[in-house]
Amino acid sequence: MSKKMIKIPSQIRLKTEFFEGYGIEELVKTIIVLCIAVVIGYIIYLFTKVTLISTFFVIGSVVIAVVFLTKNRSNFSMADNIKNIVKYELMQKRYKYERGNFNKTETTSKNTK
């Protein structure tokens, strides 16, 4: 019994999406950002007693989260790109090595003369 492979076009998404590039996974991350932003917004409100500032902070945080988490056609979001840039910058780029002496017989014969 052989299995047949079906090629799926790149335009067809395998996961449920609300709009292009934004699905359930991104929604969960956005809800987490919303919860954190509400707590920080409430702390801002306690210190400033200005509702407008904390409201704009919460709304702005959610909008930025949606923009950062929405994936493009190559299946990368801005957050993924930033993560890859940081990973690239932190990885080792210079390899220090010392060349070994492969001609040991020549050096020993030169030293004995």
PDB file of N, CA and C in Angstrom:
ATOM      1  N   MET A   1       0.848  -1.183   0.000  1.00  0.00           N
ATOM      2  CA  MET A   1       0.000   0.000   0.000  1.00  0.00           C
ATOM      3  C   MET A   1       0.891   1.243   0.000  1.00  0.00           C
ATOM      4  N   SER A   2       0.859   1.989  -1.072  1.00  0.00           N
ATOM      5  CA  SER A   2       1.707   3.171  -1.175  1.00  0.00           C
ATOM      6  C   SER A   2       0.894   4.427  -0.865  1.00  0.00           C
ATOM      7  N   LYS A   3       1.567   5.356  -0.204  1.00  0.00           N
ATOM      8  CA  LYS A   3       0.924   6.622   0.128  1.00  0.00           C
ATOM      9  C   LYS A   3       1.252   7.635  -0.953  1.00  0.00           C
ATOM     10  N   LYS A   4       0.262   8.394  -1.367  1.00  0.00           N
ATOM     11  CA  LYS A   4       0.480   9.419  -2.379  1.00  0.00           C
ATOM     12  C   LYS A   4       0.678  10.764  -1.679  1.00  0.00           C
ATOM     13  N   MET A   5       1.689  11.488  -2.128  1.00  0.00           N
ATOM     14  CA  MET A   5       1.955  12.818  -1.600  1.00  0.00           C
ATOM     15  C   MET A   5       1.188  13.840  -2.423  1.00  0.00           C
ATOM     16  N   ILE A   6       0.524  14.738  -1.734  1.00  0.00           N
ATOM     17  CA  ILE A   6      -0.217  15.805  -2.407  1.00  0.00           C
ATOM     18  C   ILE A   6       0.503  17.115  -2.122  1.00  0.00           C
ATOM     19  N   LYS A   7       0.835  17.836  -3.160  1.00  0.00           N
ATOM     20  CA  LYS A   7       1.482  19.135  -2.991  1.00  0.00           C
ATOM     21  C   LYS A   7       0.412  20.189  -2.750  1.00  0.00           C
ATOM     22  N   ILE A   8       0.587  20.943  -1.673  1.00  0.00           N
ATOM     23  CA  ILE A   8      -0.362  21.999  -1.326  1.00  0.00           C
ATOM     24  C   ILE A   8       0.228  23.335  -1.772  1.00  0.00           C
ATOM     25  N   PRO A   9      -0.509  24.131  -2.508  1.00  0.00           N
ATOM     26  CA  PRO A   9      -0.010  25.442  -2.936  1.00  0.00           C
ATOM     27  C   PRO A   9       0.293  26.338  -1.734  1.00  0.00           C
ATOM     28  N   SER A  10       1.234  27.256  -1.911  1.00  0.00           N
ATOM     29  CA  SER A  10       1.656  28.110  -0.801  1.00  0.00           C
ATOM     30  C   SER A  10       0.567  29.095  -0.371  1.00  0.00           C
ATOM     31  N   GLN A  11      -0.403  29.364  -1.223  1.00  0.00           N
ATOM     32  CA  GLN A  11      -1.464  30.307  -0.869  1.00  0.00           C
ATOM     33  C   GLN A  11      -2.467  29.690   0.107  1.00  0.00           C
ATOM     34  N   ILE A  12      -2.524  28.381   0.183  1.00  0.00           N
ATOM     35  CA  ILE A  12      -3.490  27.711   1.046  1.00  0.00           C
ATOM     36  C   ILE A  12      -2.863  27.519   2.418  1.00  0.00           C
ATOM     37  N   ARG A  13      -3.547  28.016   3.433  1.00  0.00           N
ATOM     38  CA  ARG A  13      -3.056  27.901   4.802  1.00  0.00           C
ATOM     39  C   ARG A  13      -3.619  26.640   5.439  1.00  0.00           C
ATOM     40  N   LEU A  14      -2.792  25.988   6.247  1.00  0.00           N
ATOM     41  CA  LEU A  14      -3.215  24.753   6.890  1.00  0.00           C
ATOM     42  C   LEU A  14      -3.929  25.023   8.216  1.00  0.00           C
ATOM     43  N   LYS A  15      -3.684  26.190   8.820  1.00  0.00           N
ATOM     44  CA  LYS A  15      -4.298  26.530  10.101  1.00  0.00           C
ATOM     45  C   LYS A  15      -5.421  27.534   9.881  1.00  0.00           C
ATOM     46  N   THR A  16      -6.358  27.546  10.812  1.00  0.00           N
ATOM     47  CA  THR A  16      -7.456  28.509  10.751  1.00  0.00           C
ATOM     48  C   THR A  16      -6.920  29.911  11.015  1.00  0.00           C
ATOM     49  N   GLU A  17      -7.273  30.841  10.163  1.00  0.00           N
ATOM     50  CA  GLU A  17      -6.813  32.215  10.300  1.00  0.00           C
ATOM     51  C   GLU A  17      -7.999  33.170  10.266  1.00  0.00           C
ATOM     52  N   PHE A  18      -7.919  34.209  11.084  1.00  0.00           N
ATOM     53  CA  PHE A  18      -8.953  35.241  11.086  1.00  0.00           C
ATOM     54  C   PHE A  18      -8.783  36.176   9.897  1.00  0.00           C
ATOM     55  N   PHE A  19      -7.544  36.526   9.618  1.00  0.00           N
ATOM     56  CA  PHE A  19      -7.173  37.212   8.386  1.00  0.00           C
ATOM     57  C   PHE A  19      -5.776  36.731   8.031  1.00  0.00           C
ATOM     58  N   GLU A  20      -5.293  37.077   6.857  1.00  0.00           N
ATOM     59  CA  GLU A  20      -4.058  36.497   6.341  1.00  0.00           C
ATOM     60  C   GLU A  20      -2.884  36.710   7.295  1.00  0.00           C
ATOM     61  N   GLY A  21      -2.334  35.612   7.774  1.00  0.00           N
ATOM     62  CA  GLY A  21      -1.168  35.668   8.644  1.00  0.00           C
ATOM     63  C   GLY A  21      -1.469  35.788  10.115  1.00  0.00           C
ATOM     64  N   TYR A  22      -2.736  35.800  10.507  1.00  0.00           N
ATOM     65  CA  TYR A  22      -3.101  35.970  11.919  1.00  0.00           C
ATOM     66  C   TYR A  22      -4.118  34.903  12.300  1.00  0.00           C
ATOM     67  N   GLY A  23      -3.651  33.914  13.066  1.00  0.00           N
ATOM     68  CA  GLY A  23      -4.504  32.793  13.434  1.00  0.00           C
ATOM     69  C   GLY A  23      -4.663  32.654  14.936  1.00  0.00           C
ATOM     70  N   ILE A  24      -4.984  31.447  15.357  1.00  0.00           N
ATOM     71  CA  ILE A  24      -5.242  31.160  16.769  1.00  0.00           C
ATOM     72  C   ILE A  24      -3.979  31.377  17.617  1.00  0.00           C
ATOM     73  N   GLU A  25      -2.848  30.919  17.124  1.00  0.00           N
ATOM     74  CA  GLU A  25      -1.590  31.058  17.875  1.00  0.00           C
ATOM     75  C   GLU A  25      -1.267  32.532  18.140  1.00  0.00           C
ATOM     76  N   GLU A  26      -1.443  33.355  17.123  1.00  0.00           N
ATOM     77  CA  GLU A  26      -1.166  34.791  17.279  1.00  0.00           C
ATOM     78  C   GLU A  26      -2.201  35.443  18.200  1.00  0.00           C
ATOM     79  N   LEU A  27      -3.444  34.966  18.144  1.00  0.00           N
ATOM     80  CA  LEU A  27      -4.492  35.499  19.019  1.00  0.00           C
ATOM     81  C   LEU A  27      -4.174  35.219  20.483  1.00  0.00           C
ATOM     82  N   VAL A  28      -3.700  34.024  20.779  1.00  0.00           N
ATOM     83  CA  VAL A  28      -3.342  33.681  22.161  1.00  0.00           C
ATOM     84  C   VAL A  28      -2.209  34.578  22.649  1.00  0.00           C
ATOM     85  N   LYS A  29      -1.205  34.799  21.812  1.00  0.00           N
ATOM     86  CA  LYS A  29      -0.093  35.682  22.194  1.00  0.00           C
ATOM     87  C   LYS A  29      -0.585  37.112  22.399  1.00  0.00           C
ATOM     88  N   THR A  30      -1.523  37.559  21.569  1.00  0.00           N
ATOM     89  CA  THR A  30      -2.068  38.903  21.708  1.00  0.00           C
ATOM     90  C   THR A  30      -2.869  39.031  23.000  1.00  0.00           C
ATOM     91  N   ILE A  31      -3.601  37.992  23.377  1.00  0.00           N
ATOM     92  CA  ILE A  31      -4.362  38.022  24.637  1.00  0.00           C
ATOM     93  C   ILE A  31      -3.410  38.086  25.827  1.00  0.00           C
ATOM     94  N   ILE A  32      -2.282  37.388  25.744  1.00  0.00           N
ATOM     95  CA  ILE A  32      -1.286  37.465  26.819  1.00  0.00           C
ATOM     96  C   ILE A  32      -0.739  38.883  26.933  1.00  0.00           C
ATOM     97  N   VAL A  33      -0.436  39.494  25.778  1.00  0.00           N
ATOM     98  CA  VAL A  33       0.039  40.889  25.776  1.00  0.00           C
ATOM     99  C   VAL A  33      -1.035  41.808  26.348  1.00  0.00           C
ATOM    100  N   LEU A  34      -2.295  41.562  26.005  1.00  0.00           N
ATOM    101  CA  LEU A  34      -3.401  42.374  26.527  1.00  0.00           C
ATOM    102  C   LEU A  34      -3.472  42.285  28.043  1.00  0.00           C
ATOM    103  N   CYS A  35      -3.356  41.086  28.595  1.00  0.00           N
ATOM    104  CA  CYS A  35      -3.419  40.916  30.052  1.00  0.00           C
ATOM    105  C   CYS A  35      -2.285  41.668  30.743  1.00  0.00           C
ATOM    106  N   ILE A  36      -1.080  41.551  30.200  1.00  0.00           N
ATOM    107  CA  ILE A  36       0.063  42.256  30.786  1.00  0.00           C
ATOM    108  C   ILE A  36      -0.117  43.765  30.655  1.00  0.00           C
ATOM    109  N   ALA A  37      -0.619  44.214  29.506  1.00  0.00           N
ATOM    110  CA  ALA A  37      -0.817  45.652  29.279  1.00  0.00           C
ATOM    111  C   ALA A  37      -1.889  46.212  30.206  1.00  0.00           C
ATOM    112  N   VAL A  38      -2.937  45.426  30.494  1.00  0.00           N
ATOM    113  CA  VAL A  38      -3.985  45.892  31.419  1.00  0.00           C
ATOM    114  C   VAL A  38      -3.404  46.100  32.813  1.00  0.00           C
ATOM    115  N   VAL A  39      -2.563  45.167  33.258  1.00  0.00           N
ATOM    116  CA  VAL A  39      -1.949  45.301  34.587  1.00  0.00           C
ATOM    117  C   VAL A  39      -1.045  46.537  34.625  1.00  0.00           C
ATOM    118  N   ILE A  40      -0.208  46.712  33.602  1.00  0.00           N
ATOM    119  CA  ILE A  40       0.680  47.880  33.556  1.00  0.00           C
ATOM    120  C   ILE A  40      -0.131  49.162  33.422  1.00  0.00           C
ATOM    121  N   GLY A  41      -1.200  49.137  32.604  1.00  0.00           N
ATOM    122  CA  GLY A  41      -2.065  50.298  32.453  1.00  0.00           C
ATOM    123  C   GLY A  41      -2.736  50.682  33.765  1.00  0.00           C
ATOM    124  N   TYR A  42      -3.131  49.686  34.549  1.00  0.00           N
ATOM    125  CA  TYR A  42      -3.743  49.975  35.849  1.00  0.00           C
ATOM    126  C   TYR A  42      -2.729  50.602  36.797  1.00  0.00           C
ATOM    127  N   ILE A  43      -1.483  50.126  36.751  1.00  0.00           N
ATOM    128  CA  ILE A  43      -0.425  50.719  37.581  1.00  0.00           C
ATOM    129  C   ILE A  43      -0.166  52.157  37.147  1.00  0.00           C
ATOM    130  N   ILE A  44      -0.171  52.398  35.834  1.00  0.00           N
ATOM    131  CA  ILE A  44      -0.010  53.773  35.331  1.00  0.00           C
ATOM    132  C   ILE A  44      -1.158  54.648  35.820  1.00  0.00           C
ATOM    133  N   TYR A  45      -2.365  54.099  35.797  1.00  0.00           N
ATOM    134  CA  TYR A  45      -3.532  54.861  36.263  1.00  0.00           C
ATOM    135  C   TYR A  45      -3.423  55.181  37.755  1.00  0.00           C
ATOM    136  N   LEU A  46      -2.919  54.245  38.553  1.00  0.00           N
ATOM    137  CA  LEU A  46      -2.777  54.499  39.987  1.00  0.00           C
ATOM    138  C   LEU A  46      -1.830  55.655  40.268  1.00  0.00           C
ATOM    139  N   PHE A  47      -0.774  55.793  39.467  1.00  0.00           N
ATOM    140  CA  PHE A  47       0.189  56.865  39.693  1.00  0.00           C
ATOM    141  C   PHE A  47      -0.255  58.193  39.092  1.00  0.00           C
ATOM    142  N   THR A  48      -0.872  58.165  37.903  1.00  0.00           N
ATOM    143  CA  THR A  48      -1.192  59.418  37.212  1.00  0.00           C
ATOM    144  C   THR A  48      -2.619  59.884  37.414  1.00  0.00           C
ATOM    145  N   LYS A  49      -3.543  58.971  37.733  1.00  0.00           N
ATOM    146  CA  LYS A  49      -4.979  59.265  37.866  1.00  0.00           C
ATOM    147  C   LYS A  49      -5.575  59.812  36.560  1.00  0.00           C
ATOM    148  N   VAL A  50      -4.941  59.476  35.426  1.00  0.00           N
ATOM    149  CA  VAL A  50      -5.439  59.888  34.115  1.00  0.00           C
ATOM    150  C   VAL A  50      -5.820  58.621  33.350  1.00  0.00           C
ATOM    151  N   THR A  51      -7.113  58.498  33.059  1.00  0.00           N
ATOM    152  CA  THR A  51      -7.609  57.301  32.387  1.00  0.00           C
ATOM    153  C   THR A  51      -7.140  57.237  30.949  1.00  0.00           C
ATOM    154  N   LEU A  52      -7.025  58.380  30.292  1.00  0.00           N
ATOM    155  CA  LEU A  52      -6.686  58.421  28.874  1.00  0.00           C
ATOM    156  C   LEU A  52      -5.312  57.821  28.588  1.00  0.00           C
ATOM    157  N   ILE A  53      -4.346  58.114  29.425  1.00  0.00           N
ATOM    158  CA  ILE A  53      -2.984  57.602  29.209  1.00  0.00           C
ATOM    159  C   ILE A  53      -2.960  56.083  29.310  1.00  0.00           C
ATOM    160  N   SER A  54      -3.560  55.543  30.348  1.00  0.00           N
ATOM    161  CA  SER A  54      -3.543  54.090  30.518  1.00  0.00           C
ATOM    162  C   SER A  54      -4.365  53.390  29.435  1.00  0.00           C
ATOM    163  N   THR A  55      -5.466  54.025  28.984  1.00  0.00           N
ATOM    164  CA  THR A  55      -6.272  53.438  27.907  1.00  0.00           C
ATOM    165  C   THR A  55      -5.475  53.393  26.607  1.00  0.00           C
ATOM    166  N   PHE A  56      -4.817  54.485  26.268  1.00  0.00           N
ATOM    167  CA  PHE A  56      -3.997  54.507  25.055  1.00  0.00           C
ATOM    168  C   PHE A  56      -2.842  53.519  25.145  1.00  0.00           C
ATOM    169  N   PHE A  57      -2.299  53.340  26.352  1.00  0.00           N
ATOM    170  CA  PHE A  57      -1.219  52.366  26.522  1.00  0.00           C
ATOM    171  C   PHE A  57      -1.714  50.955  26.218  1.00  0.00           C
ATOM    172  N   VAL A  58      -2.881  50.598  26.722  1.00  0.00           N
ATOM    173  CA  VAL A  58      -3.423  49.255  26.507  1.00  0.00           C
ATOM    174  C   VAL A  58      -3.761  49.052  25.029  1.00  0.00           C
ATOM    175  N   ILE A  59      -4.462  50.013  24.430  1.00  0.00           N
ATOM    176  CA  ILE A  59      -4.837  49.886  23.013  1.00  0.00           C
ATOM    177  C   ILE A  59      -3.592  49.855  22.126  1.00  0.00           C
ATOM    178  N   GLY A  60      -2.625  50.711  22.405  1.00  0.00           N
ATOM    179  CA  GLY A  60      -1.387  50.741  21.626  1.00  0.00           C
ATOM    180  C   GLY A  60      -0.610  49.441  21.741  1.00  0.00           C
ATOM    181  N   SER A  61      -0.590  48.867  22.937  1.00  0.00           N
ATOM    182  CA  SER A  61       0.118  47.591  23.129  1.00  0.00           C
ATOM    183  C   SER A  61      -0.516  46.485  22.304  1.00  0.00           C
ATOM    184  N   VAL A  62      -1.842  46.442  22.266  1.00  0.00           N
ATOM    185  CA  VAL A  62      -2.535  45.405  21.499  1.00  0.00           C
ATOM    186  C   VAL A  62      -2.310  45.603  20.001  1.00  0.00           C
ATOM    187  N   VAL A  63      -2.378  46.842  19.536  1.00  0.00           N
ATOM    188  CA  VAL A  63      -2.156  47.113  18.107  1.00  0.00           C
ATOM    189  C   VAL A  63      -0.733  46.738  17.707  1.00  0.00           C
ATOM    190  N   ILE A  64       0.238  47.096  18.523  1.00  0.00           N
ATOM    191  CA  ILE A  64       1.630  46.752  18.223  1.00  0.00           C
ATOM    192  C   ILE A  64       1.822  45.237  18.242  1.00  0.00           C
ATOM    193  N   ALA A  65       1.171  44.546  19.174  1.00  0.00           N
ATOM    194  CA  ALA A  65       1.275  43.083  19.235  1.00  0.00           C
ATOM    195  C   ALA A  65       0.709  42.448  17.972  1.00  0.00           C
ATOM    196  N   VAL A  66      -0.434  42.946  17.501  1.00  0.00           N
ATOM    197  CA  VAL A  66      -1.025  42.388  16.277  1.00  0.00           C
ATOM    198  C   VAL A  66      -0.104  42.618  15.088  1.00  0.00           C
ATOM    199  N   VAL A  67       0.464  43.809  14.976  1.00  0.00           N
ATOM    200  CA  VAL A  67       1.362  44.118  13.854  1.00  0.00           C
ATOM    201  C   VAL A  67       2.621  43.256  13.927  1.00  0.00           C
ATOM    202  N   PHE A  68       3.179  43.096  15.125  1.00  0.00           N
ATOM    203  CA  PHE A  68       4.409  42.328  15.279  1.00  0.00           C
ATOM    204  C   PHE A  68       4.200  40.837  15.070  1.00  0.00           C
ATOM    205  N   LEU A  69       3.015  40.322  15.382  1.00  0.00           N
ATOM    206  CA  LEU A  69       2.783  38.880  15.329  1.00  0.00           C
ATOM    207  C   LEU A  69       2.182  38.398  14.015  1.00  0.00           C
ATOM    208  N   THR A  70       1.675  39.306  13.175  1.00  0.00           N
ATOM    209  CA  THR A  70       1.081  38.900  11.909  1.00  0.00           C
ATOM    210  C   THR A  70       2.167  38.418  10.964  1.00  0.00           C
ATOM    211  N   LYS A  71       1.992  37.227  10.421  1.00  0.00           N
ATOM    212  CA  LYS A  71       2.997  36.619   9.545  1.00  0.00           C
ATOM    213  C   LYS A  71       2.777  37.051   8.097  1.00  0.00           C
ATOM    214  N   ASN A  72       3.879  37.206   7.356  1.00  0.00           N
ATOM    215  CA  ASN A  72       3.785  37.569   5.946  1.00  0.00           C
ATOM    216  C   ASN A  72       3.698  36.306   5.093  1.00  0.00           C
ATOM    217  N   ARG A  73       3.806  36.446   3.791  1.00  0.00           N
ATOM    218  CA  ARG A  73       3.656  35.296   2.887  1.00  0.00           C
ATOM    219  C   ARG A  73       4.759  34.252   3.053  1.00  0.00           C
ATOM    220  N   SER A  74       5.908  34.664   3.543  1.00  0.00           N
ATOM    221  CA  SER A  74       6.988  33.704   3.767  1.00  0.00           C
ATOM    222  C   SER A  74       6.924  33.086   5.162  1.00  0.00           C
ATOM    223  N   ASN A  75       5.835  33.307   5.866  1.00  0.00           N
ATOM    224  CA  ASN A  75       5.542  32.720   7.181  1.00  0.00           C
ATOM    225  C   ASN A  75       6.489  33.224   8.272  1.00  0.00           C
ATOM    226  N   PHE A  76       6.905  34.490   8.178  1.00  0.00           N
ATOM    227  CA  PHE A  76       7.711  35.132   9.208  1.00  0.00           C
ATOM    228  C   PHE A  76       7.004  36.391   9.668  1.00  0.00           C
ATOM    229  N   SER A  77       7.003  36.626  10.967  1.00  0.00           N
ATOM    230  CA  SER A  77       6.458  37.860  11.505  1.00  0.00           C
ATOM    231  C   SER A  77       7.619  38.790  11.854  1.00  0.00           C
ATOM    232  N   MET A  78       7.287  40.018  12.248  1.00  0.00           N
ATOM    233  CA  MET A  78       8.335  40.951  12.658  1.00  0.00           C
ATOM    234  C   MET A  78       9.052  40.419  13.895  1.00  0.00           C
ATOM    235  N   ALA A  79       8.306  39.798  14.794  1.00  0.00           N
ATOM    236  CA  ALA A  79       8.916  39.224  15.994  1.00  0.00           C
ATOM    237  C   ALA A  79       9.886  38.100  15.622  1.00  0.00           C
ATOM    238  N   ASP A  80       9.518  37.270  14.650  1.00  0.00           N
ATOM    239  CA  ASP A  80      10.421  36.207  14.192  1.00  0.00           C
ATOM    240  C   ASP A  80      11.683  36.791  13.584  1.00  0.00           C
ATOM    241  N   ASN A  81      11.540  37.844  12.793  1.00  0.00           N
ATOM    242  CA  ASN A  81      12.702  38.489  12.172  1.00  0.00           C
ATOM    243  C   ASN A  81      13.632  39.081  13.221  1.00  0.00           C
ATOM    244  N   ILE A  82      13.072  39.751  14.234  1.00  0.00           N
ATOM    245  CA  ILE A  82      13.897  40.335  15.297  1.00  0.00           C
ATOM    246  C   ILE A  82      14.597  39.234  16.082  1.00  0.00           C
ATOM    247  N   LYS A  83      13.888  38.135  16.342  1.00  0.00           N
ATOM    248  CA  LYS A  83      14.481  37.001  17.051  1.00  0.00           C
ATOM    249  C   LYS A  83      15.652  36.423  16.252  1.00  0.00           C
ATOM    250  N   ASN A  84      15.489  36.305  14.931  1.00  0.00           N
ATOM    251  CA  ASN A  84      16.573  35.786  14.083  1.00  0.00           C
ATOM    252  C   ASN A  84      17.760  36.733  14.021  1.00  0.00           C
ATOM    253  N   ILE A  85      17.504  38.038  13.996  1.00  0.00           N
ATOM    254  CA  ILE A  85      18.588  39.024  13.973  1.00  0.00           C
ATOM    255  C   ILE A  85      19.390  38.950  15.263  1.00  0.00           C
ATOM    256  N   VAL A  86      18.704  38.875  16.409  1.00  0.00           N
ATOM    257  CA  VAL A  86      19.399  38.784  17.698  1.00  0.00           C
ATOM    258  C   VAL A  86      20.200  37.491  17.773  1.00  0.00           C
ATOM    259  N   LYS A  87      19.608  36.401  17.313  1.00  0.00           N
ATOM    260  CA  LYS A  87      20.305  35.106  17.319  1.00  0.00           C
ATOM    261  C   LYS A  87      21.553  35.169  16.449  1.00  0.00           C
ATOM    262  N   TYR A  88      21.459  35.817  15.286  1.00  0.00           N
ATOM    263  CA  TYR A  88      22.608  35.940  14.392  1.00  0.00           C
ATOM    264  C   TYR A  88      23.690  36.808  15.019  1.00  0.00           C
ATOM    265  N   GLU A  89      23.299  37.898  15.651  1.00  0.00           N
ATOM    266  CA  GLU A  89      24.284  38.802  16.239  1.00  0.00           C
ATOM    267  C   GLU A  89      25.003  38.162  17.427  1.00  0.00           C
ATOM    268  N   LEU A  90      24.344  37.260  18.136  1.00  0.00           N
ATOM    269  CA  LEU A  90      24.948  36.648  19.308  1.00  0.00           C
ATOM    270  C   LEU A  90      25.796  35.419  18.988  1.00  0.00           C
ATOM    271  N   MET A  91      25.647  34.881  17.780  1.00  0.00           N
ATOM    272  CA  MET A  91      26.411  33.676  17.485  1.00  0.00           C
ATOM    273  C   MET A  91      27.856  34.009  17.137  1.00  0.00           C
ATOM    274  N   GLN A  92      28.705  33.026  17.314  1.00  0.00           N
ATOM    275  CA  GLN A  92      30.135  33.211  17.107  1.00  0.00           C
ATOM    276  C   GLN A  92      30.435  33.397  15.624  1.00  0.00           C
ATOM    277  N   LYS A  93      31.232  34.442  15.304  1.00  0.00           N
ATOM    278  CA  LYS A  93      31.544  34.721  13.912  1.00  0.00           C
ATOM    279  C   LYS A  93      33.028  34.561  13.597  1.00  0.00           C
ATOM    280  N   ARG A  94      33.869  34.549  14.595  1.00  0.00           N
ATOM    281  CA  ARG A  94      35.305  34.388  14.372  1.00  0.00           C
ATOM    282  C   ARG A  94      35.744  33.071  14.982  1.00  0.00           C
ATOM    283  N   TYR A  95      36.523  32.376  14.243  1.00  0.00           N
ATOM    284  CA  TYR A  95      37.013  31.085  14.699  1.00  0.00           C
ATOM    285  C   TYR A  95      38.529  31.175  14.827  1.00  0.00           C
ATOM    286  N   LYS A  96      39.012  31.199  16.049  1.00  0.00           N
ATOM    287  CA  LYS A  96      40.452  31.289  16.285  1.00  0.00           C
ATOM    288  C   LYS A  96      41.019  29.877  16.312  1.00  0.00           C
ATOM    289  N   TYR A  97      42.058  29.689  15.565  1.00  0.00           N
ATOM    290  CA  TYR A  97      42.709  28.386  15.548  1.00  0.00           C
ATOM    291  C   TYR A  97      44.191  28.588  15.298  1.00  0.00           C
ATOM    292  N   GLU A  98      44.939  27.607  15.703  1.00  0.00           N
ATOM    293  CA  GLU A  98      46.370  27.613  15.436  1.00  0.00           C
ATOM    294  C   GLU A  98      46.660  26.471  14.488  1.00  0.00           C
ATOM    295  N   ARG A  99      47.443  26.771  13.509  1.00  0.00           N
ATOM    296  CA  ARG A  99      47.765  25.736  12.535  1.00  0.00           C
ATOM    297  C   ARG A  99      48.764  24.768  13.164  1.00  0.00           C
ATOM    298  N   GLY A 100      48.447  23.517  13.058  1.00  0.00           N
ATOM    299  CA  GLY A 100      49.336  22.499  13.614  1.00  0.00           C
ATOM    300  C   GLY A 100      50.555  22.296  12.746  1.00  0.00           C
ATOM    301  N   ASN A 101      51.593  21.753  13.320  1.00  0.00           N
ATOM    302  CA  ASN A 101      52.814  21.471  12.588  1.00  0.00           C
ATOM    303  C   ASN A 101      52.689  20.062  12.015  1.00  0.00           C
ATOM    304  N   PHE A 102      52.424  19.965  10.725  1.00  0.00           N
ATOM    305  CA  PHE A 102      52.196  18.678  10.100  1.00  0.00           C
ATOM    306  C   PHE A 102      53.500  18.025   9.644  1.00  0.00           C
ATOM    307  N   ASN A 103      54.569  18.802   9.593  1.00  0.00           N
ATOM    308  CA  ASN A 103      55.857  18.283   9.126  1.00  0.00           C
ATOM    309  C   ASN A 103      56.799  18.124  10.313  1.00  0.00           C
ATOM    310  N   LYS A 104      56.474  17.318  11.259  1.00  0.00           N
ATOM    311  CA  LYS A 104      57.266  17.171  12.478  1.00  0.00           C
ATOM    312  C   LYS A 104      58.639  16.571  12.183  1.00  0.00           C
ATOM    313  N   THR A 105      58.718  15.734  11.193  1.00  0.00           N
ATOM    314  CA  THR A 105      60.013  15.119  10.889  1.00  0.00           C
ATOM    315  C   THR A 105      60.989  16.145  10.341  1.00  0.00           C
ATOM    316  N   GLU A 106      60.525  17.122   9.587  1.00  0.00           N
ATOM    317  CA  GLU A 106      61.406  18.150   9.040  1.00  0.00           C
ATOM    318  C   GLU A 106      61.923  19.055  10.138  1.00  0.00           C
ATOM    319  N   THR A 107      61.070  19.429  11.075  1.00  0.00           N
ATOM    320  CA  THR A 107      61.520  20.333  12.133  1.00  0.00           C
ATOM    321  C   THR A 107      62.503  19.653  13.062  1.00  0.00           C
ATOM    322  N   THR A 108      62.314  18.382  13.323  1.00  0.00           N
ATOM    323  CA  THR A 108      63.247  17.691  14.200  1.00  0.00           C
ATOM    324  C   THR A 108      64.604  17.497  13.520  1.00  0.00           C
ATOM    325  N   SER A 109      64.600  17.273  12.210  1.00  0.00           N
ATOM    326  CA  SER A 109      65.862  17.088  11.508  1.00  0.00           C
ATOM    327  C   SER A 109      66.597  18.422  11.369  1.00  0.00           C
ATOM    328  N   LYS A 110      65.871  19.534  11.257  1.00  0.00           N
ATOM    329  CA  LYS A 110      66.515  20.853  11.159  1.00  0.00           C
ATOM    330  C   LYS A 110      67.104  21.245  12.497  1.00  0.00           C
ATOM    331  N   ASN A 111      66.436  20.882  13.583  1.00  0.00           N
ATOM    332  CA  ASN A 111      66.919  21.255  14.899  1.00  0.00           C
ATOM    333  C   ASN A 111      68.164  20.453  15.312  1.00  0.00           C
ATOM    334  N   THR A 112      68.341  19.288  14.757  1.00  0.00           N
ATOM    335  CA  THR A 112      69.491  18.464  15.145  1.00  0.00           C
ATOM    336  C   THR A 112      70.761  18.879  14.425  1.00  0.00           C
ATOM    337  N   LYS A 113      70.659  19.595  13.325  1.00  0.00           N
ATOM    338  CA  LYS A 113      71.848  20.006  12.554  1.00  0.00           C
ATOM    339  C   LYS A 113      72.549  21.163  13.153  1.00  0.00           C
TER     340      LYS A 113
END
